[in-house]
PDB file of all heavy atoms in Angstrom:
ATOM      1  N   LEU A   1      62.437  94.772 120.533  1.00  0.00           N
ATOM      2  CA  LEU A   1      62.270  95.928 121.487  1.00  0.00           C
ATOM      3  C   LEU A   1      61.427  97.004 120.880  1.00  0.00           C
ATOM      4  O   LEU A   1      61.657  97.384 119.654  1.00  0.00           O
ATOM      5  CB  LEU A   1      63.659  96.486 121.856  1.00  0.00           C
ATOM      6  CG  LEU A   1      64.647  95.451 122.306  1.00  0.00           C
ATOM      7  CD1 LEU A   1      66.088  96.199 122.446  1.00  0.00           C
ATOM      8  CD2 LEU A   1      64.249  95.013 123.720  1.00  0.00           C
ATOM      9  N   VAL A   2      60.557  97.561 121.552  1.00  0.00           N
ATOM     10  CA  VAL A   2      59.619  98.550 121.155  1.00  0.00           C
ATOM     11  C   VAL A   2      59.578  99.686 122.105  1.00  0.00           C
ATOM     12  O   VAL A   2      59.174  99.520 123.296  1.00  0.00           O
ATOM     13  CB  VAL A   2      58.175  98.079 120.850  1.00  0.00           C
ATOM     14  CG1 VAL A   2      57.290  99.178 120.354  1.00  0.00           C
ATOM     15  CG2 VAL A   2      58.203  96.913 119.801  1.00  0.00           C
ATOM     16  N   GLU A   3      59.954 100.919 121.741  1.00  0.00           N
ATOM     17  CA  GLU A   3      60.035 102.056 122.580  1.00  0.00           C
ATOM     18  C   GLU A   3      58.743 102.764 122.397  1.00  0.00           C
ATOM     19  O   GLU A   3      58.118 102.847 121.357  1.00  0.00           O
ATOM     20  CB  GLU A   3      61.197 102.970 122.253  1.00  0.00           C
ATOM     21  CG  GLU A   3      62.535 102.274 122.407  1.00  0.00           C
ATOM     22  CD  GLU A   3      63.154 102.007 121.016  1.00  0.00           C
ATOM     23  OE1 GLU A   3      62.403 101.684 120.098  1.00  0.00           O
ATOM     24  OE2 GLU A   3      64.397 102.057 120.928  1.00  0.00           O
ATOM     25  N   SER A   4      58.448 103.602 123.450  1.00  0.00           N
ATOM     26  CA  SER A   4      57.268 104.472 123.436  1.00  0.00           C
ATOM     27  C   SER A   4      57.545 105.618 124.473  1.00  0.00           C
ATOM     28  O   SER A   4      58.472 105.493 125.322  1.00  0.00           O
ATOM     29  CB  SER A   4      55.932 103.755 123.725  1.00  0.00           C
ATOM     30  OG  SER A   4      56.003 103.192 124.937  1.00  0.00           O
ATOM     31  N   GLY A   5      56.780 106.699 124.401  1.00  0.00           N
ATOM     32  CA  GLY A   5      56.892 107.647 125.416  1.00  0.00           C
ATOM     33  C   GLY A   5      57.584 108.993 125.016  1.00  0.00           C
ATOM     34  O   GLY A   5      57.576 109.948 125.801  1.00  0.00           O
ATOM     35  N   GLY A   6      58.164 108.974 123.825  1.00  0.00           N
ATOM     36  CA  GLY A   6      58.820 110.193 123.416  1.00  0.00           C
ATOM     37  C   GLY A   6      57.893 111.249 123.066  1.00  0.00           C
ATOM     38  O   GLY A   6      56.628 111.056 122.969  1.00  0.00           O
ATOM     39  N   GLY A   7      58.436 112.490 122.933  1.00  0.00           N
ATOM     40  CA  GLY A   7      57.580 113.616 122.588  1.00  0.00           C
ATOM     41  C   GLY A   7      58.269 114.981 122.712  1.00  0.00           C
ATOM     42  O   GLY A   7      59.626 114.948 122.831  1.00  0.00           O
ATOM     43  N   SER A   8      57.597 115.947 122.788  1.00  0.00           N
ATOM     44  CA  SER A   8      58.174 117.378 122.963  1.00  0.00           C
ATOM     45  C   SER A   8      57.801 117.932 124.289  1.00  0.00           C
ATOM     46  O   SER A   8      56.611 117.916 124.704  1.00  0.00           O
ATOM     47  CB  SER A   8      57.668 118.246 121.812  1.00  0.00           C
ATOM     48  OG  SER A   8      58.061 117.800 120.607  1.00  0.00           O
ATOM     49  N   VAL A   9      58.785 118.567 124.905  1.00  0.00           N
ATOM     50  CA  VAL A   9      58.589 119.179 126.227  1.00  0.00           C
ATOM     51  C   VAL A   9      59.385 120.416 126.288  1.00  0.00           C
ATOM     52  O   VAL A   9      60.385 120.603 125.551  1.00  0.00           O
ATOM     53  CB  VAL A   9      58.907 118.192 127.445  1.00  0.00           C
ATOM     54  CG1 VAL A   9      58.009 117.033 127.475  1.00  0.00           C
ATOM     55  CG2 VAL A   9      60.419 117.807 127.403  1.00  0.00           C
ATOM     56  N   GLN A  10      58.983 121.293 127.269  1.00  0.00           N
ATOM     57  CA  GLN A  10      59.880 122.516 127.504  1.00  0.00           C
ATOM     58  C   GLN A  10      60.987 122.158 128.464  1.00  0.00           C
ATOM     59  O   GLN A  10      60.903 121.178 129.259  1.00  0.00           O
ATOM     60  CB  GLN A  10      58.971 123.573 128.093  1.00  0.00           C
ATOM     61  CG  GLN A  10      57.875 124.031 127.140  1.00  0.00           C
ATOM     62  CD  GLN A  10      57.030 125.161 127.739  1.00  0.00           C
ATOM     63  OE1 GLN A  10      57.375 125.751 128.781  1.00  0.00           O
ATOM     64  NE2 GLN A  10      55.951 125.511 127.072  1.00  0.00           N
ATOM     65  N   PRO A  11      62.021 122.925 128.472  1.00  0.00           N
ATOM     66  CA  PRO A  11      63.084 122.740 129.427  1.00  0.00           C
ATOM     67  C   PRO A  11      62.488 122.754 130.878  1.00  0.00           C
ATOM     68  O   PRO A  11      61.718 123.448 131.213  1.00  0.00           O
ATOM     69  CB  PRO A  11      64.018 123.962 129.190  1.00  0.00           C
ATOM     70  CG  PRO A  11      63.704 124.380 127.782  1.00  0.00           C
ATOM     71  CD  PRO A  11      62.307 124.019 127.520  1.00  0.00           C
ATOM     72  N   GLY A  12      63.138 121.750 131.609  1.00  0.00           N
ATOM     73  CA  GLY A  12      62.591 121.593 132.963  1.00  0.00           C
ATOM     74  C   GLY A  12      61.505 120.542 133.018  1.00  0.00           C
ATOM     75  O   GLY A  12      61.201 120.086 134.190  1.00  0.00           O
ATOM     76  N   GLY A  13      60.952 120.164 131.954  1.00  0.00           N
ATOM     77  CA  GLY A  13      59.951 119.216 131.929  1.00  0.00           C
ATOM     78  C   GLY A  13      60.331 117.742 132.149  1.00  0.00           C
ATOM     79  O   GLY A  13      61.594 117.477 132.209  1.00  0.00           O
ATOM     80  N   SER A  14      59.459 116.781 132.049  1.00  0.00           N
ATOM     81  CA  SER A  14      59.692 115.410 132.262  1.00  0.00           C
ATOM     82  C   SER A  14      58.981 114.545 131.220  1.00  0.00           C
ATOM     83  O   SER A  14      57.962 114.824 130.648  1.00  0.00           O
ATOM     84  CB  SER A  14      59.198 114.935 133.633  1.00  0.00           C
ATOM     85  OG  SER A  14      59.894 115.706 134.726  1.00  0.00           O
ATOM     86  N   LEU A  15      59.671 113.469 130.907  1.00  0.00           N
ATOM     87  CA  LEU A  15      59.111 112.330 130.071  1.00  0.00           C
ATOM     88  C   LEU A  15      59.475 111.019 130.651  1.00  0.00           C
ATOM     89  O   LEU A  15      60.498 110.891 131.315  1.00  0.00           O
ATOM     90  CB  LEU A  15      59.624 112.481 128.664  1.00  0.00           C
ATOM     91  CG  LEU A  15      59.074 113.617 127.752  1.00  0.00           C
ATOM     92  CD1 LEU A  15      59.871 113.500 126.489  1.00  0.00           C
ATOM     93  CD2 LEU A  15      57.589 113.384 127.458  1.00  0.00           C
ATOM     94  N   ARG A  16      58.684 110.057 130.435  1.00  0.00           N
ATOM     95  CA  ARG A  16      58.986 108.628 130.751  1.00  0.00           C
ATOM     96  C   ARG A  16      58.931 107.777 129.550  1.00  0.00           C
ATOM     97  O   ARG A  16      57.869 107.659 128.926  1.00  0.00           O
ATOM     98  CB  ARG A  16      58.044 108.084 131.811  1.00  0.00           C
ATOM     99  CG  ARG A  16      58.562 106.760 132.361  1.00  0.00           C
ATOM    100  CD  ARG A  16      57.708 106.090 133.397  1.00  0.00           C
ATOM    101  NE  ARG A  16      56.441 105.592 132.897  1.00  0.00           N
ATOM    102  CZ  ARG A  16      55.609 104.768 133.565  1.00  0.00           C
ATOM    103  NH1 ARG A  16      56.091 104.282 134.693  1.00  0.00           N
ATOM    104  NH2 ARG A  16      54.455 104.315 132.957  1.00  0.00           N
ATOM    105  N   LEU A  17      60.076 107.256 129.216  1.00  0.00           N
ATOM    106  CA  LEU A  17      60.154 106.359 128.084  1.00  0.00           C
ATOM    107  C   LEU A  17      60.027 104.869 128.534  1.00  0.00           C
ATOM    108  O   LEU A  17      60.442 104.622 129.713  1.00  0.00           O
ATOM    109  CB  LEU A  17      61.597 106.461 127.373  1.00  0.00           C
ATOM    110  CG  LEU A  17      62.005 107.931 126.889  1.00  0.00           C
ATOM    111  CD1 LEU A  17      63.389 107.735 126.197  1.00  0.00           C
ATOM    112  CD2 LEU A  17      60.938 108.476 125.992  1.00  0.00           C
ATOM    113  N   SER A  18      59.409 104.108 127.686  1.00  0.00           N
ATOM    114  CA  SER A  18      59.172 102.741 127.950  1.00  0.00           C
ATOM    115  C   SER A  18      59.655 101.862 126.807  1.00  0.00           C
ATOM    116  O   SER A  18      59.576 102.173 125.658  1.00  0.00           O
ATOM    117  CB  SER A  18      57.686 102.477 128.199  1.00  0.00           C
ATOM    118  OG  SER A  18      57.413 101.161 128.395  1.00  0.00           O
ATOM    119  N   CYS A  19      60.238 100.746 127.218  1.00  0.00           N
ATOM    120  CA  CYS A  19      60.785  99.823 126.224  1.00  0.00           C
ATOM    121  C   CYS A  19      60.174  98.392 126.555  1.00  0.00           C
ATOM    122  O   CYS A  19      60.402  97.920 127.690  1.00  0.00           O
ATOM    123  CB  CYS A  19      62.358  99.713 126.230  1.00  0.00           C
ATOM    124  SG  CYS A  19      63.034  98.461 125.152  1.00  0.00           S
ATOM    125  N   ALA A  20      59.459  97.811 125.736  1.00  0.00           N
ATOM    126  CA  ALA A  20      58.920  96.518 125.843  1.00  0.00           C
ATOM    127  C   ALA A  20      59.667  95.524 125.137  1.00  0.00           C
ATOM    128  O   ALA A  20      59.968  95.619 123.919  1.00  0.00           O
ATOM    129  CB  ALA A  20      57.363  96.516 125.414  1.00  0.00           C
ATOM    130  N   ALA A  21      60.114  94.503 125.824  1.00  0.00           N
ATOM    131  CA  ALA A  21      60.935  93.353 125.229  1.00  0.00           C
ATOM    132  C   ALA A  21      60.094  92.165 124.966  1.00  0.00           C
ATOM    133  O   ALA A  21      59.353  91.788 125.914  1.00  0.00           O
ATOM    134  CB  ALA A  21      62.131  93.065 126.038  1.00  0.00           C
ATOM    135  N   SER A  22      60.256  91.550 123.887  1.00  0.00           N
ATOM    136  CA  SER A  22      59.520  90.336 123.601  1.00  0.00           C
ATOM    137  C   SER A  22      60.408  89.387 122.823  1.00  0.00           C
ATOM    138  O   SER A  22      61.522  89.667 122.486  1.00  0.00           O
ATOM    139  CB  SER A  22      58.242  90.588 122.703  1.00  0.00           C
ATOM    140  OG  SER A  22      58.555  91.114 121.488  1.00  0.00           O
ATOM    141  N   GLY A  23      60.009  88.160 122.621  1.00  0.00           N
ATOM    142  CA  GLY A  23      60.799  87.136 122.118  1.00  0.00           C
ATOM    143  C   GLY A  23      61.517  86.372 123.172  1.00  0.00           C
ATOM    144  O   GLY A  23      61.119  86.287 124.311  1.00  0.00           O
ATOM    145  N   PHE A  24      62.678  85.846 122.849  1.00  0.00           N
ATOM    146  CA  PHE A  24      63.427  84.929 123.730  1.00  0.00           C
ATOM    147  C   PHE A  24      64.377  85.941 124.559  1.00  0.00           C
ATOM    148  O   PHE A  24      65.403  86.419 124.142  1.00  0.00           O
ATOM    149  CB  PHE A  24      64.266  83.997 122.992  1.00  0.00           C
ATOM    150  CG  PHE A  24      64.938  82.968 123.910  1.00  0.00           C
ATOM    151  CD1 PHE A  24      64.232  81.944 124.544  1.00  0.00           C
ATOM    152  CD2 PHE A  24      66.290  83.081 124.277  1.00  0.00           C
ATOM    153  CE1 PHE A  24      64.813  81.081 125.369  1.00  0.00           C
ATOM    154  CE2 PHE A  24      66.897  82.254 125.095  1.00  0.00           C
ATOM    155  CZ  PHE A  24      66.159  81.203 125.717  1.00  0.00           C
ATOM    156  N   THR A  25      63.900  86.239 125.762  1.00  0.00           N
ATOM    157  CA  THR A  25      64.566  87.269 126.550  1.00  0.00           C
ATOM    158  C   THR A  25      65.334  86.666 127.770  1.00  0.00           C
ATOM    159  O   THR A  25      65.979  87.343 128.460  1.00  0.00           O
ATOM    160  CB  THR A  25      63.603  88.228 127.140  1.00  0.00           C
ATOM    161  OG1 THR A  25      62.548  87.566 127.957  1.00  0.00           O
ATOM    162  CG2 THR A  25      62.797  88.901 126.029  1.00  0.00           C
ATOM    163  N   ALA A  26      65.319  85.365 127.809  1.00  0.00           N
ATOM    164  CA  ALA A  26      65.923  84.659 129.040  1.00  0.00           C
ATOM    165  C   ALA A  26      67.441  84.970 129.119  1.00  0.00           C
ATOM    166  O   ALA A  26      67.948  84.974 130.266  1.00  0.00           O
ATOM    167  CB  ALA A  26      65.722  83.241 129.000  1.00  0.00           C
ATOM    168  N   ASP A  27      68.184  85.113 128.055  1.00  0.00           N
ATOM    169  CA  ASP A  27      69.587  85.317 128.121  1.00  0.00           C
ATOM    170  C   ASP A  27      70.093  86.804 128.083  1.00  0.00           C
ATOM    171  O   ASP A  27      71.267  87.031 127.920  1.00  0.00           O
ATOM    172  CB  ASP A  27      70.235  84.583 126.935  1.00  0.00           C
ATOM    173  CG  ASP A  27      70.094  83.097 127.062  1.00  0.00           C
ATOM    174  OD1 ASP A  27      70.063  82.562 128.222  1.00  0.00           O
ATOM    175  OD2 ASP A  27      69.981  82.386 126.036  1.00  0.00           O
ATOM    176  N   LEU A  28      69.178  87.714 128.204  1.00  0.00           N
ATOM    177  CA  LEU A  28      69.541  89.061 128.208  1.00  0.00           C
ATOM    178  C   LEU A  28      70.406  89.468 129.414  1.00  0.00           C
ATOM    179  O   LEU A  28      70.125  89.121 130.546  1.00  0.00           O
ATOM    180  CB  LEU A  28      68.302  90.039 128.200  1.00  0.00           C
ATOM    181  CG  LEU A  28      67.478  89.954 126.904  1.00  0.00           C
ATOM    182  CD1 LEU A  28      66.362  90.968 127.149  1.00  0.00           C
ATOM    183  CD2 LEU A  28      68.278  90.308 125.685  1.00  0.00           C
ATOM    184  N   ASP A  29      71.540  90.011 129.106  1.00  0.00           N
ATOM    185  CA  ASP A  29      72.444  90.415 130.213  1.00  0.00           C
ATOM    186  C   ASP A  29      72.202  91.857 130.723  1.00  0.00           C
ATOM    187  O   ASP A  29      72.323  92.130 131.860  1.00  0.00           O
ATOM    188  CB  ASP A  29      73.974  90.273 129.787  1.00  0.00           C
ATOM    189  CG  ASP A  29      74.227  88.825 129.380  1.00  0.00           C
ATOM    190  OD1 ASP A  29      73.969  87.978 130.270  1.00  0.00           O
ATOM    191  OD2 ASP A  29      74.974  88.611 128.434  1.00  0.00           O
ATOM    192  N   THR A  30      72.053  92.788 129.790  1.00  0.00           N
ATOM    193  CA  THR A  30      71.706  94.171 130.167  1.00  0.00           C
ATOM    194  C   THR A  30      70.674  94.647 129.204  1.00  0.00           C
ATOM    195  O   THR A  30      70.552  94.183 128.129  1.00  0.00           O
ATOM    196  CB  THR A  30      72.991  95.024 130.042  1.00  0.00           C
ATOM    197  OG1 THR A  30      73.410  95.133 128.734  1.00  0.00           O
ATOM    198  CG2 THR A  30      74.139  94.516 130.894  1.00  0.00           C
ATOM    199  N   ILE A  31      70.014  95.675 129.689  1.00  0.00           N
ATOM    200  CA  ILE A  31      69.041  96.466 128.865  1.00  0.00           C
ATOM    201  C   ILE A  31      69.257  97.927 129.330  1.00  0.00           C
ATOM    202  O   ILE A  31      69.341  98.179 130.451  1.00  0.00           O
ATOM    203  CB  ILE A  31      67.605  95.891 129.078  1.00  0.00           C
ATOM    204  CG1 ILE A  31      66.735  96.566 128.020  1.00  0.00           C
ATOM    205  CG2 ILE A  31      67.122  96.136 130.473  1.00  0.00           C
ATOM    206  CD1 ILE A  31      65.391  95.777 127.915  1.00  0.00           C
ATOM    207  N   GLY A  32      69.122  98.758 128.243  1.00  0.00           N
ATOM    208  CA  GLY A  32      69.185 100.183 128.648  1.00  0.00           C
ATOM    209  C   GLY A  32      68.943 101.151 127.490  1.00  0.00           C
ATOM    210  O   GLY A  32      68.195 100.753 126.560  1.00  0.00           O
ATOM    211  N   TRP A  33      69.452 102.321 127.538  1.00  0.00           N
ATOM    212  CA  TRP A  33      69.127 103.394 126.686  1.00  0.00           C
ATOM    213  C   TRP A  33      70.318 104.060 126.082  1.00  0.00           C
ATOM    214  O   TRP A  33      71.314 104.345 126.742  1.00  0.00           O
ATOM    215  CB  TRP A  33      68.190 104.464 127.355  1.00  0.00           C
ATOM    216  CG  TRP A  33      66.883 103.863 127.760  1.00  0.00           C
ATOM    217  CD1 TRP A  33      66.597 103.332 129.064  1.00  0.00           C
ATOM    218  CD2 TRP A  33      65.696 103.774 127.157  1.00  0.00           C
ATOM    219  NE1 TRP A  33      65.337 102.930 129.075  1.00  0.00           N
ATOM    220  CE2 TRP A  33      64.749 103.166 127.940  1.00  0.00           C
ATOM    221  CE3 TRP A  33      65.302 104.206 125.748  1.00  0.00           C
ATOM    222  CZ2 TRP A  33      63.470 102.954 127.568  1.00  0.00           C
ATOM    223  CZ3 TRP A  33      64.035 103.961 125.426  1.00  0.00           C
ATOM    224  CH2 TRP A  33      63.084 103.388 126.232  1.00  0.00           C
ATOM    225  N   PHE A  34      70.242 104.297 124.769  1.00  0.00           N
ATOM    226  CA  PHE A  34      71.182 105.157 124.142  1.00  0.00           C
ATOM    227  C   PHE A  34      70.453 106.346 123.443  1.00  0.00           C
ATOM    228  O   PHE A  34      69.239 106.288 123.387  1.00  0.00           O
ATOM    229  CB  PHE A  34      71.982 104.356 123.009  1.00  0.00           C
ATOM    230  CG  PHE A  34      73.008 103.439 123.475  1.00  0.00           C
ATOM    231  CD1 PHE A  34      72.683 102.248 124.184  1.00  0.00           C
ATOM    232  CD2 PHE A  34      74.392 103.711 123.314  1.00  0.00           C
ATOM    233  CE1 PHE A  34      73.623 101.361 124.600  1.00  0.00           C
ATOM    234  CE2 PHE A  34      75.256 102.838 123.693  1.00  0.00           C
ATOM    235  CZ  PHE A  34      74.937 101.674 124.410  1.00  0.00           C
ATOM    236  N   ARG A  35      71.197 107.262 123.069  1.00  0.00           N
ATOM    237  CA  ARG A  35      70.605 108.374 122.353  1.00  0.00           C
ATOM    238  C   ARG A  35      71.533 108.900 121.331  1.00  0.00           C
ATOM    239  O   ARG A  35      72.784 108.790 121.426  1.00  0.00           O
ATOM    240  CB  ARG A  35      70.163 109.571 123.256  1.00  0.00           C
ATOM    241  CG  ARG A  35      71.319 110.289 124.028  1.00  0.00           C
ATOM    242  CD  ARG A  35      70.798 111.330 125.044  1.00  0.00           C
ATOM    243  NE  ARG A  35      71.863 112.044 125.629  1.00  0.00           N
ATOM    244  CZ  ARG A  35      71.693 112.904 126.591  1.00  0.00           C
ATOM    245  NH1 ARG A  35      70.495 113.131 127.046  1.00  0.00           N
ATOM    246  NH2 ARG A  35      72.727 113.588 127.158  1.00  0.00           N
ATOM    247  N   GLN A  36      70.963 109.569 120.333  1.00  0.00           N
ATOM    248  CA  GLN A  36      71.846 110.097 119.197  1.00  0.00           C
ATOM    249  C   GLN A  36      71.094 111.388 118.704  1.00  0.00           C
ATOM    250  O   GLN A  36      69.984 111.405 118.216  1.00  0.00           O
ATOM    251  CB  GLN A  36      72.028 109.082 118.089  1.00  0.00           C
ATOM    252  CG  GLN A  36      72.960 109.579 116.970  1.00  0.00           C
ATOM    253  CD  GLN A  36      73.300 108.486 115.922  1.00  0.00           C
ATOM    254  OE1 GLN A  36      72.554 107.591 115.789  1.00  0.00           O
ATOM    255  NE2 GLN A  36      74.515 108.600 115.503  1.00  0.00           N
ATOM    256  N   ALA A  37      71.867 112.433 118.803  1.00  0.00           N
ATOM    257  CA  ALA A  37      71.459 113.751 118.211  1.00  0.00           C
ATOM    258  C   ALA A  37      72.026 113.820 116.776  1.00  0.00           C
ATOM    259  O   ALA A  37      73.048 113.323 116.521  1.00  0.00           O
ATOM    260  CB  ALA A  37      71.907 114.897 119.100  1.00  0.00           C
ATOM    261  N   PRO A  38      71.421 114.693 116.004  1.00  0.00           N
ATOM    262  CA  PRO A  38      71.878 114.863 114.631  1.00  0.00           C
ATOM    263  C   PRO A  38      73.365 115.313 114.584  1.00  0.00           C
ATOM    264  O   PRO A  38      73.774 116.300 115.315  1.00  0.00           O
ATOM    265  CB  PRO A  38      71.042 115.978 114.019  1.00  0.00           C
ATOM    266  CG  PRO A  38      69.715 115.846 114.802  1.00  0.00           C
ATOM    267  CD  PRO A  38      70.083 115.425 116.190  1.00  0.00           C
ATOM    268  N   GLY A  39      74.182 114.663 113.836  1.00  0.00           N
ATOM    269  CA  GLY A  39      75.557 115.053 113.668  1.00  0.00           C
ATOM    270  C   GLY A  39      76.506 114.619 114.743  1.00  0.00           C
ATOM    271  O   GLY A  39      77.675 114.884 114.771  1.00  0.00           O
ATOM    272  N   LYS A  40      75.881 113.864 115.756  1.00  0.00           N
ATOM    273  CA  LYS A  40      76.605 113.389 116.878  1.00  0.00           C
ATOM    274  C   LYS A  40      76.691 111.788 116.986  1.00  0.00           C
ATOM    275  O   LYS A  40      75.866 111.158 116.394  1.00  0.00           O
ATOM    276  CB  LYS A  40      76.132 113.974 118.208  1.00  0.00           C
ATOM    277  CG  LYS A  40      76.255 115.508 118.248  1.00  0.00           C
ATOM    278  CD  LYS A  40      75.659 115.933 119.673  1.00  0.00           C
ATOM    279  CE  LYS A  40      75.708 117.417 119.746  1.00  0.00           C
ATOM    280  NZ  LYS A  40      75.219 117.917 121.073  1.00  0.00           N
ATOM    281  N   GLU A  41      77.694 111.391 117.633  1.00  0.00           N
ATOM    282  CA  GLU A  41      77.779 109.867 117.862  1.00  0.00           C
ATOM    283  C   GLU A  41      76.689 109.404 118.835  1.00  0.00           C
ATOM    284  O   GLU A  41      76.228 110.219 119.726  1.00  0.00           O
ATOM    285  CB  GLU A  41      79.105 109.523 118.467  1.00  0.00           C
ATOM    286  CG  GLU A  41      80.276 109.799 117.508  1.00  0.00           C
ATOM    287  CD  GLU A  41      81.588 109.359 118.150  1.00  0.00           C
ATOM    288  OE1 GLU A  41      81.668 108.986 119.308  1.00  0.00           O
ATOM    289  OE2 GLU A  41      82.627 109.339 117.363  1.00  0.00           O
TER     290      GLU A  41
END
């Protein structure tokens, strides 16, 4: 999995993240996004 699209924006702005999957993907059940801020789960 390779992500792209991150960056810096002002409050109220927009970004689009992209995740490209490669390899053997036939058995994937779910795909999605997590996030982690410093000091947080």
